[in-house]
Amino acid sequence: MPAPIIGRKLGISKIPQLEKEKVKGIKVLGISGSSRQQPEMSKSERLLASALDHAKNLGAETEFIRLKDLKIYDCEGNYSENPTLCTYPCQSSMKYQDDQMQRVYDAILSTDVLILATPIRWNNHSALVQKFVERMNCIENSDILFGKKLIKNKVAGLIVIGHVDGLQHVAGNLLNFFSWLGFNSPDVAITSWVGEYDEDTTKDWEQIQKNKYTQEDLENMVNSSINLAYNLKKG
């Protein structure tokens, strides 16, 4: 009797790439939520760089933002005082002259595809990503409260990397967040990797690079995101 098929032994189907002439003009924004001191230390950020490289090779315009490099003030919860105080542009951006969240807003509002990369921190996304999520509340409120929909025909994907369980929890929370903002999810919305239980992080990057399923998901996430962005722009 043959052994049962377990997991993804058969792999997954490759999502076809669009012709370069169709990809031309599509913008892909990568946002890193890693707090590592040096960029090359972050595995989620390295995967994000690979995703942006693939998008660029397909013919897309790419932009990269590292949240750690920006001075972003905490959300001050103005919604709790009065919902009309939490709308775009954000009160904190206007209140603090050195707040740099506006750069993130501008990049998101001008992109077609957003790929957010985060490590897993105690079963959740990183603190930097949480700050980003809370500061995006003004975008969502602009639609819910005032009918001013700022996120239209945009696609969002995720890169989630960790060494403990929590992948589905993190991905579920963030995809729900993007849905509330108005983003569309591609056929393959998540690229992920979770390390061995031995927690030997010194060998992680080598394993990530060798993991064919993570690499397939990365390519398919970019391909399906760009394909969906093209169809949304085409109408």
Protein backbone atom coordinates (compact mmCIF):
# COMPACT_ATOMS: atom_id res chain seq x y z
CA MET A 1 0.00 0.00 0.00
CA PRO A 2 1.53 3.35 -1.00
CA ALA A 3 2.35 5.85 1.70
CA PRO A 4 -0.27 8.58 2.15
CA ILE A 5 0.50 12.00 0.73
CA ILE A 6 1.25 14.29 3.64
CA GLY A 7 1.72 18.04 3.51
CA ARG A 8 2.83 19.54 0.22
CA LYS A 9 4.84 16.70 -1.28
CA LEU A 10 3.31 17.40 -4.68
CA GLY A 11 4.22 21.07 -4.49
CA ILE A 12 1.88 23.74 -5.81
CA SER A 13 1.05 25.06 -9.23
CA LYS A 14 3.10 27.96 -10.47
CA ILE A 15 1.03 31.07 -11.08
CA PRO A 16 1.89 32.41 -14.54
CA GLN A 17 3.70 35.69 -14.94
CA LEU A 18 2.20 38.57 -16.86
CA GLU A 19 3.93 39.83 -19.98
CA LYS A 20 6.27 42.72 -19.18
CA GLU A 21 4.27 45.15 -21.27
CA LYS A 22 1.26 44.53 -19.02
CA VAL A 23 3.30 44.86 -15.83
CA LYS A 24 4.72 48.21 -16.91
CA GLY A 25 3.37 50.97 -14.66
CA ILE A 26 2.40 48.68 -11.79
CA LYS A 27 3.96 49.80 -8.50
CA VAL A 28 4.97 47.39 -5.75
CA LEU A 29 5.76 48.71 -2.27
CA GLY A 30 7.62 46.63 0.29
CA ILE A 31 7.42 47.59 3.98
CA SER A 32 9.69 45.91 6.51
CA GLY A 33 8.47 45.65 10.09
CA SER A 34 11.66 44.11 11.44
CA SER A 35 13.45 45.81 14.32
CA ARG A 36 16.84 44.20 13.71
CA GLN A 37 19.70 46.65 14.09
CA GLN A 38 21.25 45.86 10.71
CA PRO A 39 19.22 45.09 7.58
CA GLU A 40 21.19 41.96 6.67
CA MET A 41 20.29 40.45 10.06
CA SER A 42 16.57 40.31 9.28
CA LYS A 43 15.35 37.19 7.50
CA SER A 44 11.88 38.61 6.84
CA GLU A 45 13.50 41.67 5.26
CA ARG A 46 15.77 39.54 3.09
CA LEU A 47 12.73 37.66 1.80
CA LEU A 48 11.03 40.98 1.16
CA ALA A 49 14.06 42.10 -0.86
CA SER A 50 13.77 38.90 -2.91
CA ALA A 51 10.10 39.62 -3.54
CA LEU A 52 10.85 43.15 -4.72
CA ASP A 53 13.66 41.87 -6.95
CA HIS A 54 11.24 39.41 -8.55
CA ALA A 55 8.66 42.16 -9.05
CA LYS A 56 11.30 44.38 -10.65
CA ASN A 57 12.37 41.56 -12.97
CA LEU A 58 8.75 41.23 -14.05
CA GLY A 59 8.77 44.90 -15.04
CA ALA A 60 7.13 46.52 -12.01
CA GLU A 61 8.28 49.69 -10.29
CA THR A 62 9.37 48.97 -6.72
CA GLU A 63 9.83 50.95 -3.52
CA PHE A 64 11.13 49.84 -0.13
CA ILE A 65 10.44 51.31 3.31
CA ARG A 66 11.99 50.15 6.57
CA LEU A 67 9.75 51.26 9.43
CA LYS A 68 12.67 51.18 11.84
CA ASP A 69 14.41 53.94 9.86
CA LEU A 70 11.52 56.36 10.34
CA LYS A 71 10.44 58.37 13.36
CA ILE A 72 6.81 57.40 13.78
CA TYR A 73 4.84 58.54 16.79
CA ASP A 74 2.37 56.26 18.52
CA CYS A 75 -1.30 56.44 17.69
CA GLU A 76 -2.79 58.68 20.38
CA GLY A 77 -6.25 57.12 20.23
CA ASN A 78 -8.05 60.27 19.13
CA TYR A 79 -10.91 58.09 17.91
CA SER A 80 -11.76 57.29 21.55
CA GLU A 81 -12.31 60.99 22.23
CA ASN A 82 -14.23 61.74 19.05
CA PRO A 83 -14.34 59.71 15.82
CA THR A 84 -14.09 62.88 13.75
CA LEU A 85 -10.59 63.44 15.17
CA CYS A 86 -9.33 60.21 13.58
CA THR A 87 -9.33 60.83 9.86
CA TYR A 88 -6.78 61.41 7.14
CA PRO A 89 -4.47 63.29 7.31
CA CYS A 90 -3.55 61.87 10.71
CA GLN A 91 -3.64 64.25 13.68
CA SER A 92 -0.20 63.05 14.81
CA SER A 93 1.32 63.85 11.42
CA MET A 94 0.06 67.40 11.74
CA LYS A 95 0.85 67.71 15.46
CA TYR A 96 4.48 66.55 15.34
CA GLN A 97 6.65 68.14 12.68
CA ASP A 98 9.26 65.36 12.90
CA ASP A 99 6.72 62.55 12.50
CA GLN A 100 7.57 60.60 9.32
CA MET A 101 4.45 58.48 8.95
CA GLN A 102 3.33 60.69 6.06
CA ARG A 103 6.03 59.10 3.92
CA VAL A 104 4.35 55.74 4.54
CA TYR A 105 0.89 57.12 3.78
CA ASP A 106 2.10 58.67 0.52
CA ALA A 107 3.80 55.45 -0.58
CA ILE A 108 0.75 53.31 0.20
CA LEU A 109 -1.71 55.64 -1.49
CA SER A 110 0.40 55.70 -4.65
CA THR A 111 1.15 51.97 -4.91
CA ASP A 112 -0.78 49.15 -6.54
CA VAL A 113 0.67 46.30 -4.48
CA LEU A 114 1.79 46.38 -0.85
CA ILE A 115 3.91 43.58 0.63
CA LEU A 116 4.35 43.79 4.39
CA ALA A 117 7.08 41.71 6.06
CA THR A 118 7.08 40.92 9.77
CA PRO A 119 8.77 38.54 12.17
CA ILE A 120 6.68 36.65 14.73
CA ARG A 121 7.02 38.13 18.21
CA TRP A 122 5.34 36.15 21.00
CA ASN A 123 2.62 34.83 18.69
CA ASN A 124 2.03 38.25 17.15
CA HIS A 125 3.50 40.58 14.55
CA SER A 126 6.26 42.97 15.57
CA ALA A 127 5.76 46.10 17.67
CA LEU A 128 6.74 48.22 14.67
CA VAL A 129 4.01 46.63 12.58
CA GLN A 130 1.51 47.20 15.39
CA LYS A 131 2.41 50.89 15.46
CA PHE A 132 1.97 50.99 11.67
CA VAL A 133 -1.42 49.24 11.94
CA GLU A 134 -2.69 51.70 14.55
CA ARG A 135 -1.51 54.74 12.60
CA MET A 136 -3.38 53.42 9.54
CA ASN A 137 -6.65 53.73 11.47
CA CYS A 138 -7.21 57.21 10.04
CA ILE A 139 -7.28 55.70 6.53
CA GLU A 140 -9.99 53.22 7.50
CA ASN A 141 -12.01 55.83 9.41
CA SER A 142 -12.00 58.17 6.42
CA ASP A 143 -14.06 55.56 4.58
CA ILE A 144 -16.22 54.22 7.42
CA LEU A 145 -17.14 57.60 8.91
CA PHE A 146 -16.97 60.00 6.00
CA GLY A 147 -17.31 57.86 2.88
CA LYS A 148 -13.90 58.95 1.62
CA LYS A 149 -12.42 55.69 0.35
CA LEU A 150 -8.65 56.11 0.04
CA ILE A 151 -7.70 52.48 -0.65
CA LYS A 152 -9.11 51.46 -4.03
CA ASN A 153 -8.10 48.62 -6.34
CA LYS A 154 -4.99 47.82 -4.31
CA VAL A 155 -3.52 44.43 -3.42
CA ALA A 156 -1.81 43.37 -0.17
CA GLY A 157 0.45 40.40 0.56
CA LEU A 158 2.38 39.23 3.62
CA ILE A 159 5.75 37.77 4.53
CA VAL A 160 5.72 36.18 7.99
CA ILE A 161 8.85 34.61 9.45
CA GLY A 162 9.42 33.15 12.90
CA HIS A 163 10.84 30.43 15.06
CA VAL A 164 7.78 29.73 17.14
CA ASP A 165 4.16 28.97 16.38
CA GLY A 166 1.86 31.86 15.55
CA LEU A 167 1.98 32.08 11.77
CA GLN A 168 -1.75 31.66 11.17
CA HIS A 169 -2.59 34.03 14.00
CA VAL A 170 -0.33 36.77 12.62
CA ALA A 171 -1.41 36.27 9.01
CA GLY A 172 -5.10 36.15 9.94
CA ASN A 173 -4.92 39.37 11.94
CA LEU A 174 -3.04 41.29 9.25
CA LEU A 175 -5.15 40.06 6.33
CA ASN A 176 -8.25 41.08 8.31
CA PHE A 177 -6.64 44.49 8.87
CA PHE A 178 -5.90 44.92 5.16
CA SER A 179 -9.43 43.85 4.29
CA TRP A 180 -10.92 46.52 6.53
CA LEU A 181 -8.71 49.11 4.85
CA GLY A 182 -10.00 48.06 1.43
CA PHE A 183 -7.12 45.99 0.06
CA ASN A 184 -7.73 42.95 -2.12
CA SER A 185 -6.03 39.61 -1.41
CA PRO A 186 -4.27 37.77 -4.25
CA ASP A 187 -4.56 34.02 -4.87
CA VAL A 188 -1.38 33.50 -2.85
CA ALA A 189 -1.34 36.18 -0.16
CA ILE A 190 1.20 34.79 2.30
CA THR A 191 4.84 33.76 2.16
CA SER A 192 5.95 32.14 5.38
CA TRP A 193 8.52 30.05 7.17
CA VAL A 194 8.56 28.75 10.74
CA GLY A 195 11.77 27.27 12.12
CA GLU A 196 12.51 24.04 13.91
CA TYR A 197 11.54 23.60 17.54
CA ASP A 198 15.20 23.42 18.54
CA GLU A 199 15.31 27.23 18.10
CA ASP A 200 18.77 27.17 16.55
CA THR A 201 18.38 30.43 14.65
CA THR A 202 21.93 30.32 13.28
CA LYS A 203 20.84 28.00 10.47
CA ASP A 204 17.53 29.69 9.63
CA TRP A 205 18.48 31.63 6.51
CA GLU A 206 20.08 28.62 4.86
CA GLN A 207 16.93 26.60 5.55
CA ILE A 208 14.68 29.38 4.25
CA GLN A 209 16.64 29.54 1.00
CA LYS A 210 16.47 25.77 0.59
CA ASN A 211 12.77 25.48 1.43
CA LYS A 212 11.14 25.08 -1.97
CA TYR A 213 7.67 25.79 -0.62
CA THR A 214 8.67 29.15 0.86
CA GLN A 215 10.41 30.06 -2.38
CA GLU A 216 7.42 28.93 -4.45
CA ASP A 217 5.06 30.93 -2.26
CA LEU A 218 7.25 34.02 -2.60
CA GLU A 219 7.23 33.85 -6.39
CA ASN A 220 3.53 33.01 -6.55
CA MET A 221 2.63 35.79 -4.12
CA VAL A 222 4.38 38.37 -6.28
CA ASN A 223 2.97 36.93 -9.52
CA SER A 224 -0.60 36.70 -8.25
CA SER A 225 -0.41 40.16 -6.64
CA ILE A 226 0.77 41.77 -9.87
CA ASN A 227 -1.78 39.80 -11.91
CA LEU A 228 -4.60 40.99 -9.64
CA ALA A 229 -3.30 44.58 -9.63
CA TYR A 230 -3.28 44.54 -13.44
CA ASN A 231 -6.86 43.27 -13.62
CA LEU A 232 -8.02 45.85 -11.06
CA LYS A 233 -6.36 48.69 -12.96
CA LYS A 234 -7.80 47.41 -16.23
CA GLY A 235 -11.25 47.47 -14.66
